[in-house]
Protein backbone atom coordinates (compact mmCIF):
# COMPACT_ATOMS: atom_id res chain seq x y z
CA MET A 1 0.00 0.00 0.00
CA THR A 2 2.86 2.34 0.80
CA VAL A 3 4.37 1.82 -2.65
CA ILE A 4 1.08 2.78 -4.30
CA ALA A 5 0.87 5.92 -2.15
CA ILE A 6 4.48 6.80 -3.03
CA ALA A 7 3.69 6.42 -6.73
CA ALA A 8 0.54 8.53 -6.43
CA LEU A 9 2.38 11.27 -4.55
CA ALA A 10 5.24 11.22 -7.04
CA ILE A 11 2.82 11.60 -9.95
CA THR A 12 1.05 14.40 -8.10
CA VAL A 13 4.31 16.25 -7.40
CA LEU A 14 5.71 15.79 -10.90
CA PHE A 15 2.63 16.53 -12.98
CA ARG A 16 0.54 18.88 -10.77
CA LEU A 17 -2.69 16.96 -11.19
CA SER A 18 -6.09 18.62 -11.00
CA SER A 19 -8.09 18.97 -7.83
CA ASP A 20 -10.42 16.19 -8.99
CA SER A 21 -7.64 13.63 -8.68
CA ARG A 22 -6.55 15.12 -5.36
CA MET A 23 -9.34 13.24 -3.55
CA ALA A 24 -8.03 9.87 -4.80
CA VAL A 25 -4.47 10.76 -3.80
CA CYS A 26 -5.64 11.83 -0.34
CA ILE A 27 -7.51 8.55 0.14
CA LEU A 28 -4.45 6.50 -0.91
CA VAL A 29 -2.14 8.52 1.34
CA SER A 30 -4.59 8.24 4.25
CA VAL A 31 -4.80 4.46 4.00
CA ALA A 32 -1.00 4.15 3.72
CA THR A 33 -0.56 6.52 6.65
CA ILE A 34 -2.90 4.50 8.85
CA THR A 35 -0.98 1.36 7.90
CA LEU A 36 2.37 2.94 8.72
CA ALA A 37 1.08 4.41 11.99
CA LEU A 38 -0.17 0.99 13.10
CA ARG A 39 3.12 -0.61 12.09
CA SER A 40 4.97 2.07 14.07
CA LEU A 41 2.86 1.41 17.14
CA LEU A 42 3.41 -2.34 16.86
CA THR A 43 7.18 -1.87 16.68
CA GLY A 44 7.11 0.49 19.67
CA LYS A 45 8.07 3.64 17.78
CA ILE A 46 5.47 6.00 19.19
CA VAL A 47 7.09 9.22 17.96
CA TRP A 48 6.98 7.97 14.37
CA ALA A 49 3.38 6.85 14.85
CA LEU A 50 2.48 10.38 15.95
CA LEU A 51 4.28 11.80 12.91
CA PHE A 52 2.35 9.50 10.59
CA LEU A 53 -0.90 10.45 12.31
CA SER A 54 -0.11 14.13 11.78
CA VAL A 55 0.32 13.35 8.06
CA LEU A 56 -3.10 11.73 8.23
CA GLY A 57 -4.48 14.99 9.61
CA VAL A 58 -3.07 16.92 6.69
CA PHE A 59 -4.25 14.46 4.03
CA THR A 60 -7.74 13.83 5.38
CA PRO A 61 -9.72 13.50 2.15
CA PHE A 62 -12.97 14.86 3.53
CA GLN A 63 -11.84 18.37 4.41
CA ARG A 64 -11.72 21.36 2.12
CA PRO A 65 -8.16 22.34 1.17
CA GLN A 66 -7.10 25.06 3.58
CA PHE A 67 -3.56 25.45 2.33
CA SER A 68 -2.01 27.39 -0.52
CA ASN A 69 -0.81 25.53 -3.60
CA LEU A 70 2.82 26.11 -2.59
CA LEU A 71 2.28 24.64 0.88
CA ILE A 72 0.40 21.67 -0.58
CA SER A 73 3.36 20.97 -2.89
CA VAL A 74 5.79 21.18 0.03
CA LEU A 75 3.63 18.85 2.13
CA ASP A 76 3.36 16.40 -0.77
CA MET A 77 7.15 16.30 -1.17
CA ALA A 78 7.74 15.96 2.58
CA THR A 79 5.23 13.12 2.78
CA LEU A 80 6.82 11.48 -0.24
CA ALA A 81 10.20 11.59 1.50
CA LEU A 82 8.72 10.26 4.74
CA PHE A 83 7.05 7.35 2.95
CA ALA A 84 10.25 6.57 1.05
CA ALA A 85 12.20 6.49 4.33
CA SER A 86 9.58 4.42 6.17
CA PRO A 87 11.20 1.02 5.47
CA MET A 88 14.41 2.25 7.13
CA ILE A 89 12.49 3.86 9.97
CA LEU A 90 10.33 0.84 10.76
CA ARG A 91 12.85 -1.97 10.35
CA LYS A 92 13.77 -3.99 13.37
CA PRO A 93 17.11 -3.10 14.91
CA ILE A 94 19.90 -5.51 14.06
CA ARG A 95 21.48 -6.92 17.15
CA PRO A 96 25.00 -8.24 16.98
CA VAL A 97 25.47 -11.94 17.54
CA VAL A 98 27.69 -12.62 20.52
CA VAL A 99 29.72 -15.79 20.39
CA ASN A 100 31.21 -17.18 23.56
CA VAL A 101 34.56 -18.68 22.68
CA PRO A 102 36.78 -19.82 25.50
CA LEU A 103 40.09 -18.00 25.65
CA GLU A 104 41.99 -21.27 25.52
CA LYS A 105 40.78 -21.94 21.97
CA LEU A 106 41.95 -18.57 20.64
């Protein structure tokens, strides 16, 4: 779902789509944001979950656009970057493997 939202945001940023297609993009971004917020909560990253929920507040598809076109473009690009970085943000930390080797064998 995140990949679809990234593609939709990239197309929106690159081609400046009409306001009619904005509703579809907002719905895709909202669903992806909910998914990422839930994944953040399940991995224990509450700050990231709050950030994704704030993106959800901006991209709520049922509100009238309150922002200027410039601010909407900036928010689209910032959300695109956040979604692109989400696999790195939400991955599980890699823990080093500790091997107990007796000193006599070294």
